[in-house]
C-alpha cells in the first residue's frame, strides 16, 4: 500500500557535525515548528499534513528514520512503535498527560519520553468553569432554543437553571488544574471540598477541605474531575458513585474520558440520578455514547480544554525544546523517565 505524502522542510545546511531528522505526527501551531526549523542541528523536519490521527502503518513509516518524534495524545506509542523507530532518542508528547505512551516499554527500549507540564493549567481550568456555568444555566440549550425561533418573550418558567453562587464544589484531584479551578470558584463563594492522595496546602489556604471521595460525592453540588488517568482512576466514577451523588448535582470532566464510566453516566443522566454534566473528554474518543448525544442536560465539547492559540503554541515550543535538549545530549527539562538519560560525559 502506498503511503500518504508528508509535509517536509529541508533545513538549510549549516556547520554542525550531526544533522538530525525529526518527525511530527500531526500539524501543530507554527511556534513549536519554528523552534525546530531554526535549530542548526535539525537537518530534516517531516510533518504529517493531514488533520487526522495517523493509521498505524503511516505512523510506523513516519518514525522509521526519525532521531526524534513529536507525538500527540491521540497517538498510541507502544513497543511496536519503538521497534519501528530504531534511531529515535526521544518521543516528545504534546500533552501534559502521557497515558497514550507505554512508559515501561519506552524505558526498556531506551527511549526518552517528555511531556508539557504547566502549559495548560489556566486554559483547562477556564474550560472546566465554562462547562460548569454552561450546564448549570442551560446556555447551549437556550442558544438552540433561541436559534430555532422558539423564543416568543420572557416567561417566569422559561429555561430555569441551577444556582452556582454559594453551591459546593468538589474537586477530584488536587493538582495544578484542580487548584486553578478551585481558585475560580472563590469568586462565586463556593464552599470547597477536594479529594487527593495527600493534603494540598494551597487548597487548604483558599478554604478547601480534604475529604474522602464518598463524602465529596454526597456533599457536592458540582463535581469536577482533575485527576490523571491510571489503573486506579480508570472508571473512578461509575454506577455506585452516581447513586450517592445529589440528584441536583452536576459532573464536569476536563481530565480524561475513561476516568468516568461513560455508559453509567449516560444512564444516570437519563434517569435523573444527577442533574447534568459538562464533558470535554470521552471514554472512546472521538466516539461519544449515543445516549449522551440525545440529552439536553449534558454539554459536549470536542476535547478543547487547552484549545487556545497561546496555550497550544506553548505546548509546541516546550515539546520542541525537549527534543532539542535530547539531540544535544542534554537531559530534556520535562523528562518523564529520567532513568533512561545517560550523560554523555559520564563514562562510569
C-alpha atoms as a PDB file:
ATOM      1  CA  UNK A   1       0.000   0.000   0.000  1.00  0.00           C
ATOM      2  CA  UNK A   2       1.397   3.390  -0.935  1.00  0.00           C
ATOM      3  CA  UNK A   3       1.971   5.811   1.893  1.00  0.00           C
ATOM      4  CA  UNK A   4       0.339   9.205   2.091  1.00  0.00           C
ATOM      5  CA  UNK A   5       2.614  12.187   1.434  1.00  0.00           C
ATOM      6  CA  UNK A   6       4.181  14.136   4.282  1.00  0.00           C
ATOM      7  CA  UNK A   7       4.931  17.814   4.533  1.00  0.00           C
ATOM      8  CA  UNK A   8       8.693  18.221   4.601  1.00  0.00           C
ATOM      9  CA  UNK A   9      11.009  21.111   5.310  1.00  0.00           C
ATOM     10  CA  UNK A  10      14.652  20.754   4.354  1.00  0.00           C
ATOM     11  CA  UNK A  11      16.591  22.982   6.715  1.00  0.00           C
ATOM     12  CA  UNK A  12      19.499  24.823   5.019  1.00  0.00           C
ATOM     13  CA  UNK A  13      22.833  23.122   5.654  1.00  0.00           C
ATOM     14  CA  UNK A  14      24.876  24.644   8.440  1.00  0.00           C
ATOM     15  CA  UNK A  15      28.131  23.827  10.110  1.00  0.00           C
ATOM     16  CA  UNK A  16      27.024  21.092  12.510  1.00  0.00           C
ATOM     17  CA  UNK A  17      28.600  17.723  12.987  1.00  0.00           C
ATOM     18  CA  UNK A  18      25.254  15.975  13.431  1.00  0.00           C
ATOM     19  CA  UNK A  19      22.195  16.524  11.284  1.00  0.00           C
ATOM     20  CA  UNK A  20      19.046  15.098  12.817  1.00  0.00           C
ATOM     21  CA  UNK A  21      15.694  14.052  11.416  1.00  0.00           C
ATOM     22  CA  UNK A  22      12.570  14.998  13.386  1.00  0.00           C
ATOM     23  CA  UNK A  23       9.088  13.655  12.727  1.00  0.00           C
ATOM     24  CA  UNK A  24       5.868  15.363  13.899  1.00  0.00           C
ATOM     25  CA  UNK A  25       2.780  13.140  13.874  1.00  0.00           C
ATOM     26  CA  UNK A  26       0.280  15.942  13.233  1.00  0.00           C
ATOM     27  CA  UNK A  27       0.427  19.637  12.387  1.00  0.00           C
ATOM     28  CA  UNK A  28       0.667  21.881  15.441  1.00  0.00           C
ATOM     29  CA  UNK A  29       0.722  25.698  15.739  1.00  0.00           C
ATOM     30  CA  UNK A  30       3.704  27.150  13.962  1.00  0.00           C
ATOM     31  CA  UNK A  31       5.564  28.415  17.046  1.00  0.00           C
ATOM     32  CA  UNK A  32       6.758  24.941  18.014  1.00  0.00           C
ATOM     33  CA  UNK A  33       7.659  24.007  14.443  1.00  0.00           C
ATOM     34  CA  UNK A  34       9.634  27.212  14.077  1.00  0.00           C
ATOM     35  CA  UNK A  35      11.803  26.296  17.077  1.00  0.00           C
ATOM     36  CA  UNK A  36      12.739  23.095  15.273  1.00  0.00           C
ATOM     37  CA  UNK A  37      13.143  24.705  11.843  1.00  0.00           C
ATOM     38  CA  UNK A  38      15.543  27.294  13.188  1.00  0.00           C
ATOM     39  CA  UNK A  39      17.726  24.849  15.142  1.00  0.00           C
ATOM     40  CA  UNK A  40      21.029  24.353  13.268  1.00  0.00           C
ATOM     41  CA  UNK A  41      21.299  20.678  14.192  1.00  0.00           C
ATOM     42  CA  UNK A  42      17.974  19.757  12.566  1.00  0.00           C
ATOM     43  CA  UNK A  43      18.507  18.539   9.033  1.00  0.00           C
ATOM     44  CA  UNK A  44      15.001  17.424   8.114  1.00  0.00           C
ATOM     45  CA  UNK A  45      11.634  18.143   9.684  1.00  0.00           C
ATOM     46  CA  UNK A  46       8.744  15.973   8.486  1.00  0.00           C
ATOM     47  CA  UNK A  47       5.169  16.812   9.492  1.00  0.00           C
ATOM     48  CA  UNK A  48       2.060  14.822   8.737  1.00  0.00           C
ATOM     49  CA  UNK A  49      -0.021  17.389   6.796  1.00  0.00           C
ATOM     50  CA  UNK A  50      -3.354  15.618   7.266  1.00  0.00           C
ATOM     51  CA  UNK A  51      -5.544  16.905  10.085  1.00  0.00           C
ATOM     52  CA  UNK A  52      -6.260  13.442  11.444  1.00  0.00           C
ATOM     53  CA  UNK A  53      -4.683  10.705  13.508  1.00  0.00           C
ATOM     54  CA  UNK A  54      -2.238   8.580  11.537  1.00  0.00           C
ATOM     55  CA  UNK A  55      -3.066   4.977  10.809  1.00  0.00           C
ATOM     56  CA  UNK A  56      -0.614   2.514  12.271  1.00  0.00           C
ATOM     57  CA  UNK A  57       1.254   1.794   9.052  1.00  0.00           C
ATOM     58  CA  UNK A  58       1.614   5.532   8.442  1.00  0.00           C
ATOM     59  CA  UNK A  59       2.958   6.050  11.948  1.00  0.00           C
ATOM     60  CA  UNK A  60       5.497   3.258  11.513  1.00  0.00           C
ATOM     61  CA  UNK A  61       6.644   4.758   8.221  1.00  0.00           C
ATOM     62  CA  UNK A  62       6.874   8.245   9.675  1.00  0.00           C
ATOM     63  CA  UNK A  63       9.055   7.314  12.650  1.00  0.00           C
ATOM     64  CA  UNK A  64      11.280   4.863  10.754  1.00  0.00           C
ATOM     65  CA  UNK A  65      14.120   7.310  10.078  1.00  0.00           C
ATOM     66  CA  UNK A  66      13.450   9.731  12.929  1.00  0.00           C
ATOM     67  CA  UNK A  67      16.009  10.725  15.527  1.00  0.00           C
ATOM     68  CA  UNK A  68      13.194  12.388  17.495  1.00  0.00           C
ATOM     69  CA  UNK A  69       9.405  12.234  17.357  1.00  0.00           C
ATOM     70  CA  UNK A  70       6.914  14.878  18.438  1.00  0.00           C
ATOM     71  CA  UNK A  71       3.727  12.897  19.116  1.00  0.00           C
ATOM     72  CA  UNK A  72       0.225  13.692  20.292  1.00  0.00           C
ATOM     73  CA  UNK A  73      -2.061  12.195  22.925  1.00  0.00           C
ATOM     74  CA  UNK A  74      -4.109  10.682  20.090  1.00  0.00           C
ATOM     75  CA  UNK A  75      -1.112   8.562  19.059  1.00  0.00           C
ATOM     76  CA  UNK A  76      -0.731   5.182  20.724  1.00  0.00           C
ATOM     77  CA  UNK A  77       3.003   4.912  21.324  1.00  0.00           C
ATOM     78  CA  UNK A  78       3.932   1.384  22.335  1.00  0.00           C
ATOM     79  CA  UNK A  79       6.556  -1.314  21.903  1.00  0.00           C
ATOM     80  CA  UNK A  80       5.721  -1.764  18.214  1.00  0.00           C
ATOM     81  CA  UNK A  81       6.285   1.920  17.545  1.00  0.00           C
ATOM     82  CA  UNK A  82       9.605   1.842  19.392  1.00  0.00           C
ATOM     83  CA  UNK A  83      10.712  -1.095  17.276  1.00  0.00           C
ATOM     84  CA  UNK A  84       9.729   0.829  14.150  1.00  0.00           C
ATOM     85  CA  UNK A  85      11.877   3.782  15.268  1.00  0.00           C
ATOM     86  CA  UNK A  86      15.318   2.321  16.000  1.00  0.00           C
ATOM     87  CA  UNK A  87      17.090   5.700  15.765  1.00  0.00           C
ATOM     88  CA  UNK A  88      14.635   7.746  17.817  1.00  0.00           C
ATOM     89  CA  UNK A  89      16.140   9.057  21.033  1.00  0.00           C
ATOM     90  CA  UNK A  90      13.035  10.826  22.324  1.00  0.00           C
ATOM     91  CA  UNK A  91       9.269  10.869  21.907  1.00  0.00           C
ATOM     92  CA  UNK A  92       8.131  14.327  23.000  1.00  0.00           C
ATOM     93  CA  UNK A  93       4.445  14.130  23.892  1.00  0.00           C
ATOM     94  CA  UNK A  94       2.430  17.223  23.018  1.00  0.00           C
ATOM     95  CA  UNK A  95       0.374  16.946  26.207  1.00  0.00           C
ATOM     96  CA  UNK A  96       0.627  17.080  29.964  1.00  0.00           C
ATOM     97  CA  UNK A  97      -0.656  13.532  30.374  1.00  0.00           C
ATOM     98  CA  UNK A  98       1.099  10.587  28.769  1.00  0.00           C
ATOM     99  CA  UNK A  99      -1.294   7.683  29.213  1.00  0.00           C
ATOM    100  CA  UNK A 100      -1.062   7.211  25.436  1.00  0.00           C
ATOM    101  CA  UNK A 101       2.558   6.055  25.844  1.00  0.00           C
ATOM    102  CA  UNK A 102       3.793   2.755  27.284  1.00  0.00           C
ATOM    103  CA  UNK A 103       6.432   4.185  29.590  1.00  0.00           C
ATOM    104  CA  UNK A 104       7.738   0.792  30.665  1.00  0.00           C
ATOM    105  CA  UNK A 105       8.248  -0.239  27.050  1.00  0.00           C
ATOM    106  CA  UNK A 106       9.915   3.097  26.314  1.00  0.00           C
ATOM    107  CA  UNK A 107      12.317   2.680  29.207  1.00  0.00           C
ATOM    108  CA  UNK A 108      13.118  -0.872  28.175  1.00  0.00           C
ATOM    109  CA  UNK A 109      13.830   0.353  24.652  1.00  0.00           C
ATOM    110  CA  UNK A 110      15.987   3.223  25.904  1.00  0.00           C
ATOM    111  CA  UNK A 111      13.636   5.890  24.557  1.00  0.00           C
ATOM    112  CA  UNK A 112      13.248   9.154  26.444  1.00  0.00           C
ATOM    113  CA  UNK A 113       9.678  10.394  26.948  1.00  0.00           C
ATOM    114  CA  UNK A 114       8.807  14.008  27.722  1.00  0.00           C
ATOM    115  CA  UNK A 115       5.606  15.960  28.297  1.00  0.00           C
ATOM    116  CA  UNK A 116       4.464  19.593  28.589  1.00  0.00           C
ATOM    117  CA  UNK A 117       3.532  20.198  32.251  1.00  0.00           C
ATOM    118  CA  UNK A 118       2.148  23.530  33.394  1.00  0.00           C
ATOM    119  CA  UNK A 119       1.324  24.811  29.917  1.00  0.00           C
ATOM    120  CA  UNK A 120      -2.435  24.362  30.011  1.00  0.00           C
ATOM    121  CA  UNK A 121      -3.350  24.862  33.667  1.00  0.00           C
ATOM    122  CA  UNK A 122      -5.299  28.100  33.340  1.00  0.00           C
ATOM    123  CA  UNK A 123      -6.755  27.274  29.945  1.00  0.00           C
ATOM    124  CA  UNK A 124      -8.193  23.975  31.125  1.00  0.00           C
ATOM    125  CA  UNK A 125      -9.441  25.466  34.390  1.00  0.00           C
ATOM    126  CA  UNK A 126     -11.220  28.131  32.340  1.00  0.00           C
ATOM    127  CA  UNK A 127     -12.868  25.370  30.305  1.00  0.00           C
ATOM    128  CA  UNK A 128     -13.926  23.456  33.421  1.00  0.00           C
ATOM    129  CA  UNK A 129     -15.631  26.510  34.813  1.00  0.00           C
ATOM    130  CA  UNK A 130     -17.151  27.378  31.436  1.00  0.00           C
ATOM    131  CA  UNK A 131     -18.694  23.902  31.281  1.00  0.00           C
ATOM    132  CA  UNK A 132     -19.918  24.229  34.870  1.00  0.00           C
ATOM    133  CA  UNK A 133     -21.677  27.508  34.153  1.00  0.00           C
ATOM    134  CA  UNK A 134     -22.976  26.379  30.762  1.00  0.00           C
ATOM    135  CA  UNK A 135     -24.684  23.246  32.012  1.00  0.00           C
ATOM    136  CA  UNK A 136     -25.982  24.816  35.229  1.00  0.00           C
ATOM    137  CA  UNK A 137     -27.556  27.776  33.428  1.00  0.00           C
ATOM    138  CA  UNK A 138     -28.539  25.723  30.345  1.00  0.00           C
ATOM    139  CA  UNK A 139     -26.724  28.091  27.997  1.00  0.00           C
ATOM    140  CA  UNK A 140     -26.239  25.764  24.990  1.00  0.00           C
ATOM    141  CA  UNK A 141     -29.825  24.576  25.316  1.00  0.00           C
ATOM    142  CA  UNK A 142     -31.070  28.169  25.495  1.00  0.00           C
ATOM    143  CA  UNK A 143     -28.971  29.071  22.463  1.00  0.00           C
ATOM    144  CA  UNK A 144     -30.518  26.247  20.430  1.00  0.00           C
ATOM    145  CA  UNK A 145     -33.981  27.241  21.650  1.00  0.00           C
ATOM    146  CA  UNK A 146     -33.480  30.836  20.542  1.00  0.00           C
ATOM    147  CA  UNK A 147     -31.939  29.978  17.166  1.00  0.00           C
ATOM    148  CA  UNK A 148     -34.873  27.672  16.443  1.00  0.00           C
ATOM    149  CA  UNK A 149     -37.219  30.656  16.671  1.00  0.00           C
ATOM    150  CA  UNK A 150     -38.988  29.328  19.763  1.00  0.00           C
ATOM    151  CA  UNK A 151     -38.347  32.394  21.923  1.00  0.00           C
ATOM    152  CA  UNK A 152     -41.556  34.431  21.887  1.00  0.00           C
ATOM    153  CA  UNK A 153     -40.981  36.505  25.007  1.00  0.00           C
ATOM    154  CA  UNK A 154     -39.875  36.417  28.625  1.00  0.00           C
ATOM    155  CA  UNK A 155     -41.613  33.925  30.888  1.00  0.00           C
ATOM    156  CA  UNK A 156     -41.214  33.194  34.609  1.00  0.00           C
ATOM    157  CA  UNK A 157     -40.708  29.472  33.979  1.00  0.00           C
ATOM    158  CA  UNK A 158     -38.539  29.769  30.867  1.00  0.00           C
ATOM    159  CA  UNK A 159     -35.209  27.879  30.916  1.00  0.00           C
ATOM    160  CA  UNK A 160     -34.873  27.727  34.690  1.00  0.00           C
ATOM    161  CA  UNK A 161     -31.361  26.656  35.618  1.00  0.00           C
ATOM    162  CA  UNK A 162     -29.410  25.984  38.789  1.00  0.00           C
ATOM    163  CA  UNK A 163     -27.646  28.360  41.147  1.00  0.00           C
ATOM    164  CA  UNK A 164     -23.863  28.483  41.144  1.00  0.00           C
ATOM    165  CA  UNK A 165     -23.006  31.089  43.754  1.00  0.00           C
ATOM    166  CA  UNK A 166     -22.797  29.552  47.218  1.00  0.00           C
ATOM    167  CA  UNK A 167     -23.026  25.964  45.985  1.00  0.00           C
ATOM    168  CA  UNK A 168     -20.454  23.362  46.995  1.00  0.00           C
ATOM    169  CA  UNK A 169     -17.721  22.459  44.520  1.00  0.00           C
ATOM    170  CA  UNK A 170     -15.956  19.122  44.837  1.00  0.00           C
ATOM    171  CA  UNK A 171     -12.550  18.791  43.152  1.00  0.00           C
ATOM    172  CA  UNK A 172     -11.358  15.251  42.421  1.00  0.00           C
ATOM    173  CA  UNK A 173      -7.571  15.573  42.215  1.00  0.00           C
ATOM    174  CA  UNK A 174      -5.657  18.369  43.889  1.00  0.00           C
ATOM    175  CA  UNK A 175      -3.059  19.163  41.221  1.00  0.00           C
ATOM    176  CA  UNK A 176      -2.442  22.374  39.334  1.00  0.00           C
ATOM    177  CA  UNK A 177      -5.600  22.347  37.220  1.00  0.00           C
ATOM    178  CA  UNK A 178      -7.785  21.329  40.146  1.00  0.00           C
ATOM    179  CA  UNK A 179      -6.334  24.171  42.213  1.00  0.00           C
ATOM    180  CA  UNK A 180      -6.823  26.685  39.399  1.00  0.00           C
ATOM    181  CA  UNK A 181     -10.456  25.607  39.039  1.00  0.00           C
ATOM    182  CA  UNK A 182     -10.964  25.951  42.797  1.00  0.00           C
ATOM    183  CA  UNK A 183      -9.480  29.452  42.694  1.00  0.00           C
ATOM    184  CA  UNK A 184     -12.048  30.457  40.089  1.00  0.00           C
ATOM    185  CA  UNK A 185     -14.820  29.151  42.322  1.00  0.00           C
ATOM    186  CA  UNK A 186     -13.746  31.503  45.117  1.00  0.00           C
ATOM    187  CA  UNK A 187     -15.315  34.397  43.239  1.00  0.00           C
ATOM    188  CA  UNK A 188     -18.654  32.587  43.436  1.00  0.00           C
ATOM    189  CA  UNK A 189     -18.328  31.994  47.195  1.00  0.00           C
ATOM    190  CA  UNK A 190     -18.477  28.241  46.665  1.00  0.00           C
ATOM    191  CA  UNK A 191     -17.576  26.018  49.631  1.00  0.00           C
ATOM    192  CA  UNK A 192     -14.751  23.751  48.501  1.00  0.00           C
ATOM    193  CA  UNK A 193     -14.130  20.046  49.040  1.00  0.00           C
ATOM    194  CA  UNK A 194     -11.250  18.163  47.471  1.00  0.00           C
ATOM    195  CA  UNK A 195     -10.141  14.566  47.251  1.00  0.00           C
ATOM    196  CA  UNK A 196      -6.461  13.763  46.748  1.00  0.00           C
ATOM    197  CA  UNK A 197      -3.870  11.228  47.886  1.00  0.00           C
ATOM    198  CA  UNK A 198      -2.104  13.841  50.021  1.00  0.00           C
ATOM    199  CA  UNK A 199      -3.101  17.131  51.666  1.00  0.00           C
ATOM    200  CA  UNK A 200      -2.755  20.186  49.451  1.00  0.00           C
ATOM    201  CA  UNK A 201      -1.726  23.290  51.439  1.00  0.00           C
ATOM    202  CA  UNK A 202      -2.690  25.618  48.585  1.00  0.00           C
ATOM    203  CA  UNK A 203      -6.183  24.126  48.531  1.00  0.00           C
ATOM    204  CA  UNK A 204      -6.416  24.468  52.295  1.00  0.00           C
ATOM    205  CA  UNK A 205      -5.265  28.093  52.059  1.00  0.00           C
ATOM    206  CA  UNK A 206      -8.279  29.049  49.923  1.00  0.00           C
ATOM    207  CA  UNK A 207     -10.736  27.303  52.230  1.00  0.00           C
ATOM    208  CA  UNK A 208     -10.706  23.814  50.781  1.00  0.00           C
ATOM    209  CA  UNK A 209     -11.344  20.797  52.965  1.00  0.00           C
ATOM    210  CA  UNK A 210      -9.820  17.444  52.089  1.00  0.00           C
ATOM    211  CA  UNK A 211     -12.211  14.509  52.373  1.00  0.00           C
ATOM    212  CA  UNK A 212     -12.897  11.052  51.025  1.00  0.00           C
ATOM    213  CA  UNK A 213     -14.295  10.571  47.539  1.00  0.00           C
ATOM    214  CA  UNK A 214     -17.532   9.250  49.033  1.00  0.00           C
ATOM    215  CA  UNK A 215     -18.047  12.338  51.179  1.00  0.00           C
ATOM    216  CA  UNK A 216     -17.171  14.615  48.272  1.00  0.00           C
ATOM    217  CA  UNK A 217     -19.718  12.949  46.009  1.00  0.00           C
ATOM    218  CA  UNK A 218     -22.513  13.014  48.580  1.00  0.00           C
ATOM    219  CA  UNK A 219     -21.954  16.644  49.603  1.00  0.00           C
ATOM    220  CA  UNK A 220     -21.039  18.432  46.365  1.00  0.00           C
ATOM    221  CA  UNK A 221     -23.372  20.310  44.056  1.00  0.00           C
ATOM    222  CA  UNK A 222     -20.710  20.295  41.334  1.00  0.00           C
ATOM    223  CA  UNK A 223     -18.054  17.583  40.960  1.00  0.00           C
ATOM    224  CA  UNK A 224     -15.115  18.485  38.739  1.00  0.00           C
ATOM    225  CA  UNK A 225     -12.617  15.802  37.670  1.00  0.00           C
ATOM    226  CA  UNK A 226      -8.939  16.794  37.640  1.00  0.00           C
ATOM    227  CA  UNK A 227      -7.016  13.613  38.342  1.00  0.00           C
ATOM    228  CA  UNK A 228      -4.772  11.773  35.915  1.00  0.00           C
ATOM    229  CA  UNK A 229      -5.730   8.523  34.214  1.00  0.00           C
ATOM    230  CA  UNK A 230      -4.019   5.455  35.631  1.00  0.00           C
ATOM    231  CA  UNK A 231      -5.130   1.948  36.657  1.00  0.00           C
ATOM    232  CA  UNK A 232      -6.503   3.226  39.975  1.00  0.00           C
ATOM    233  CA  UNK A 233      -8.557   6.045  38.431  1.00  0.00           C
ATOM    234  CA  UNK A 234      -9.995   4.129  35.469  1.00  0.00           C
ATOM    235  CA  UNK A 235     -13.797   4.206  35.940  1.00  0.00           C
ATOM    236  CA  UNK A 236     -13.282   6.007  39.245  1.00  0.00           C
ATOM    237  CA  UNK A 237     -16.769   7.459  38.778  1.00  0.00           C
ATOM    238  CA  UNK A 238     -19.296   4.790  37.861  1.00  0.00           C
ATOM    239  CA  UNK A 239     -22.656   3.285  38.743  1.00  0.00           C
ATOM    240  CA  UNK A 240     -22.179   3.271  42.513  1.00  0.00           C
ATOM    241  CA  UNK A 241     -20.781   6.793  42.572  1.00  0.00           C
ATOM    242  CA  UNK A 242     -23.702   8.263  40.631  1.00  0.00           C
ATOM    243  CA  UNK A 243     -26.134   6.652  43.044  1.00  0.00           C
ATOM    244  CA  UNK A 244     -24.703   8.558  46.009  1.00  0.00           C
ATOM    245  CA  UNK A 245     -24.469  11.940  44.296  1.00  0.00           C
ATOM    246  CA  UNK A 246     -27.189  14.520  44.802  1.00  0.00           C
ATOM    247  CA  UNK A 247     -29.951  14.361  42.221  1.00  0.00           C
ATOM    248  CA  UNK A 248     -29.344  18.096  41.753  1.00  0.00           C
ATOM    249  CA  UNK A 249     -25.586  17.642  41.189  1.00  0.00           C
ATOM    250  CA  UNK A 250     -23.555  18.191  38.037  1.00  0.00           C
ATOM    251  CA  UNK A 251     -20.448  16.325  36.871  1.00  0.00           C
ATOM    252  CA  UNK A 252     -17.687  18.165  34.990  1.00  0.00           C
ATOM    253  CA  UNK A 253     -14.848  16.288  33.265  1.00  0.00           C
ATOM    254  CA  UNK A 254     -11.939  18.000  31.519  1.00  0.00           C
ATOM    255  CA  UNK A 255      -9.334  15.371  32.518  1.00  0.00           C
ATOM    256  CA  UNK A 256      -9.538  12.028  30.696  1.00  0.00           C
ATOM    257  CA  UNK A 257     -12.663  10.268  29.473  1.00  0.00           C
ATOM    258  CA  UNK A 258     -12.079   6.790  30.939  1.00  0.00           C
ATOM    259  CA  UNK A 259     -11.987   8.191  34.492  1.00  0.00           C
ATOM    260  CA  UNK A 260     -15.777   8.242  34.171  1.00  0.00           C
ATOM    261  CA  UNK A 261     -17.753   5.151  33.178  1.00  0.00           C
ATOM    262  CA  UNK A 262     -19.478   6.804  30.240  1.00  0.00           C
ATOM    263  CA  UNK A 263     -22.369   4.379  29.865  1.00  0.00           C
ATOM    264  CA  UNK A 264     -23.118   4.660  33.585  1.00  0.00           C
ATOM    265  CA  UNK A 265     -23.077   8.444  33.246  1.00  0.00           C
ATOM    266  CA  UNK A 266     -25.455   8.312  30.286  1.00  0.00           C
ATOM    267  CA  UNK A 267     -27.930   6.206  32.232  1.00  0.00           C
ATOM    268  CA  UNK A 268     -27.577   8.379  35.350  1.00  0.00           C
ATOM    269  CA  UNK A 269     -28.398  11.474  33.318  1.00  0.00           C
ATOM    270  CA  UNK A 270     -31.272   9.826  31.506  1.00  0.00           C
ATOM    271  CA  UNK A 271     -32.797   8.538  34.742  1.00  0.00           C
ATOM    272  CA  UNK A 272     -32.335  11.799  36.614  1.00  0.00           C
ATOM    273  CA  UNK A 273     -29.872  10.360  39.145  1.00  0.00           C
ATOM    274  CA  UNK A 274     -27.838  13.555  38.622  1.00  0.00           C
ATOM    275  CA  UNK A 275     -28.942  16.842  37.088  1.00  0.00           C
ATOM    276  CA  UNK A 276     -26.414  17.243  34.311  1.00  0.00           C
ATOM    277  CA  UNK A 277     -22.857  17.027  33.036  1.00  0.00           C
ATOM    278  CA  UNK A 278     -20.292  19.069  31.159  1.00  0.00           C
ATOM    279  CA  UNK A 279     -17.815  16.934  29.224  1.00  0.00           C
ATOM    280  CA  UNK A 280     -14.729  17.846  27.238  1.00  0.00           C
ATOM    281  CA  UNK A 281     -13.361  14.287  27.137  1.00  0.00           C
ATOM    282  CA  UNK A 282     -14.865  10.885  26.360  1.00  0.00           C
ATOM    283  CA  UNK A 283     -14.112   7.262  27.050  1.00  0.00           C
ATOM    284  CA  UNK A 284     -13.674   6.172  23.418  1.00  0.00           C
ATOM    285  CA  UNK A 285     -12.731   9.400  21.664  1.00  0.00           C
ATOM    286  CA  UNK A 286     -13.807  10.553  19.197  1.00  0.00           C
ATOM    287  CA  UNK A 287     -16.897   8.388  19.745  1.00  0.00           C
ATOM    288  CA  UNK A 288     -19.498   9.659  22.205  1.00  0.00           C
ATOM    289  CA  UNK A 289     -22.084   7.424  23.854  1.00  0.00           C
ATOM    290  CA  UNK A 290     -25.285   7.755  21.761  1.00  0.00           C
ATOM    291  CA  UNK A 291     -27.488   8.471  24.780  1.00  0.00           C
ATOM    292  CA  UNK A 292     -25.343  11.484  25.658  1.00  0.00           C
ATOM    293  CA  UNK A 293     -25.817  12.826  22.146  1.00  0.00           C
ATOM    294  CA  UNK A 294     -29.580  12.859  22.651  1.00  0.00           C
ATOM    295  CA  UNK A 295     -29.762  14.526  26.070  1.00  0.00           C
ATOM    296  CA  UNK A 296     -30.300  18.232  26.708  1.00  0.00           C
ATOM    297  CA  UNK A 297     -28.819  18.132  30.218  1.00  0.00           C
ATOM    298  CA  UNK A 298     -25.258  17.499  29.038  1.00  0.00           C
ATOM    299  CA  UNK A 299     -22.847  19.912  27.360  1.00  0.00           C
ATOM    300  CA  UNK A 300     -20.419  18.204  24.972  1.00  0.00           C
ATOM    301  CA  UNK A 301     -17.145  19.701  23.738  1.00  0.00           C
ATOM    302  CA  UNK A 302     -14.559  18.063  21.409  1.00  0.00           C
ATOM    303  CA  UNK A 303     -11.575  17.909  23.805  1.00  0.00           C
ATOM    304  CA  UNK A 304     -10.772  21.614  23.519  1.00  0.00           C
ATOM    305  CA  UNK A 305      -9.811  22.264  27.132  1.00  0.00           C
ATOM    306  CA  UNK A 306      -6.384  23.539  26.122  1.00  0.00           C
ATOM    307  CA  UNK A 307      -7.709  24.962  22.880  1.00  0.00           C
ATOM    308  CA  UNK A 308      -6.306  28.469  22.715  1.00  0.00           C
ATOM    309  CA  UNK A 309      -3.601  29.525  20.287  1.00  0.00           C
ATOM    310  CA  UNK A 310      -1.392  30.755  23.120  1.00  0.00           C
ATOM    311  CA  UNK A 311      -1.570  27.516  25.077  1.00  0.00           C
ATOM    312  CA  UNK A 312      -1.222  25.171  22.113  1.00  0.00           C
ATOM    313  CA  UNK A 313       1.763  27.230  20.930  1.00  0.00           C
ATOM    314  CA  UNK A 314       3.393  26.979  24.370  1.00  0.00           C
ATOM    315  CA  UNK A 315       2.900  23.212  24.275  1.00  0.00           C
ATOM    316  CA  UNK A 316       4.616  23.002  20.905  1.00  0.00           C
ATOM    317  CA  UNK A 317       7.552  25.150  21.996  1.00  0.00           C
ATOM    318  CA  UNK A 318       8.041  23.057  25.124  1.00  0.00           C
ATOM    319  CA  UNK A 319       7.901  19.806  23.168  1.00  0.00           C
ATOM    320  CA  UNK A 320      10.418  21.198  20.664  1.00  0.00           C
ATOM    321  CA  UNK A 321      12.743  22.296  23.459  1.00  0.00           C
ATOM    322  CA  UNK A 322      12.607  18.814  24.955  1.00  0.00           C
ATOM    323  CA  UNK A 323      13.580  17.375  21.584  1.00  0.00           C
ATOM    324  CA  UNK A 324      16.489  19.766  21.091  1.00  0.00           C
ATOM    325  CA  UNK A 325      17.830  19.034  24.565  1.00  0.00           C
ATOM    326  CA  UNK A 326      17.823  15.301  23.855  1.00  0.00           C
ATOM    327  CA  UNK A 327      19.509  15.709  20.471  1.00  0.00           C
ATOM    328  CA  UNK A 328      22.176  17.899  22.046  1.00  0.00           C
ATOM    329  CA  UNK A 329      22.979  15.231  24.609  1.00  0.00           C
ATOM    330  CA  UNK A 330      21.348  17.140  27.456  1.00  0.00           C
ATOM    331  CA  UNK A 331      18.611  15.983  29.793  1.00  0.00           C
ATOM    332  CA  UNK A 332      15.229  17.164  28.492  1.00  0.00           C
ATOM    333  CA  UNK A 333      13.672  19.560  31.031  1.00  0.00           C
ATOM    334  CA  UNK A 334      10.413  17.580  31.176  1.00  0.00           C
ATOM    335  CA  UNK A 335      11.717  14.027  31.046  1.00  0.00           C
ATOM    336  CA  UNK A 336       9.153  11.512  32.287  1.00  0.00           C
ATOM    337  CA  UNK A 337      11.527   8.527  32.556  1.00  0.00           C
ATOM    338  CA  UNK A 338      14.806  10.042  33.786  1.00  0.00           C
ATOM    339  CA  UNK A 339      16.395   6.624  34.313  1.00  0.00           C
ATOM    340  CA  UNK A 340      16.865   6.415  30.538  1.00  0.00           C
ATOM    341  CA  UNK A 341      19.032   9.532  30.340  1.00  0.00           C
ATOM    342  CA  UNK A 342      22.756   8.999  30.399  1.00  0.00           C
ATOM    343  CA  UNK A 343      25.085  11.976  30.488  1.00  0.00           C
ATOM    344  CA  UNK A 344      27.488  11.533  27.581  1.00  0.00           C
ATOM    345  CA  UNK A 345      30.288  12.866  29.809  1.00  0.00           C
ATOM    346  CA  UNK A 346      29.608  10.159  32.391  1.00  0.00           C
ATOM    347  CA  UNK A 347      31.763   7.174  31.438  1.00  0.00           C
ATOM    348  CA  UNK A 348      31.383   5.298  34.706  1.00  0.00           C
END
